[in-house]
Amino acid sequence: MKSFLLAAKIAIAFLLVMGTFVVITLHVFARMVMHNQEGMSLNEAHHSFVVTVLWIGLVAMGLLIALSVYVTTPLRRMSRSMDRIAAGDLEHRVAVRGSDEGAAMGRSFNAMAERVRGMIVGQKELMAGVSHELRSPLARMKVSLELMREGKDGEATLPDLEADVDELDSMVEELLLASRLDLGSAPLSMQESSLEELCREAWTRVADAARSRSMALEFSLADDASRVQANRALIVRLLGNLFENSVRYAGQGRVIVVSSRRADRVHIDVTDEGPGVEQADLGQLFEPFFRADRSRSRKTGAGGLGLMIVRRAVEAHGGHVEACCTKPHGLAVKFDLPGASAKAL
């Protein structure tokens, strides 16, 4: 639509130039006829015609220059902005004025620049977080190796060393998965699956820890929201991360999975009965390496990447995820996935 309006403006400007040319030419021709009748010499008539044509050319050139400035000014402005962003000024934005095509182009450019800035800042924060998180297990591994080298408590040190290796392996695996989801290098393989089966498969990942804390998994699934059309492995990973988070931080009670259907989407709530988190922390839960529990012990968590994977897995399925506190206490994570077709249900 905006391209059509720009083309219409250019066409109108061209018609104005041509119309002016025709009108003035007809006027000159009329004057030449009139003066010829009055006995004007051929040289005088020729001179009058040349002067008039020059005026027509000047008017046309002025209109074309004005049109060129109108069209190219936003482009030059964006070119300068691109140069500034390329030089590292990620906060720079194009000044947007009006509501014409140039303004629309400026708003689109600013949205793109903001997304690029967010991606670059996010990558820097991720790298900083990875560097910080790697320090703790590497430092513990170094101490364990020193103790083993000196022959002190080798048997007692080995389980700790294995736990640190597992922590590093889990962190690298989560980072690789996040990278693959960001790149979107290959479309997800979707299949229809039972939501309850996916949950039970994911629960096996935390079953031993949940049993030791007397925690149980419960369901309240609507009949039309019991099956999803999704990537099975990714959803099992998503649910496993949520269950692991609940078992680690709630420590007791139930983990309840509730589903409902709205149009072609299945909306899922995973709720625990733990202490929940501070209201101010809810918006940051899905950021990499963010911990509502600020402690850095092995007991309270591994790499701080689990909920980031949850967010990116949901977004890869075209959904949205959010967290909220429940009453009297607890945390609910709400997200949506593509539902199975009505025919399949």
Foldseek 3Di string as FASTA:
>chain_A
DLVVVLVVVVVVLVVVLVVVVVVLQVVLVVVLVVVVVVPDDPVVSVVSNVVSVVVSVVVNVVSVVVSVCVVCVLVVQVVVVVVVVVVPPLVDAGDADDDHPSNVVRVVVRVVSVVVVVVVVLVVVQVVLVVVQLVVLVVLLVVLVVCVVVVHPVVVSVVSNVVSVVLVVVVVVLVVLLVCLVVVPDAADKDKDFPVVLLVLLVVVCVVLCVVLVEEEEEAEDPQQGMFTARSVLSSLLNNLVVVLQCLAQSHYYWYWYWDDDDQKIKIKTKHFRQAADPVCFVVLLRAQDDSPPDDDVSNHRGRHNSVSNQSRLVSQVKGWGKDADPPGIIMIMMMHGGDDPVVD
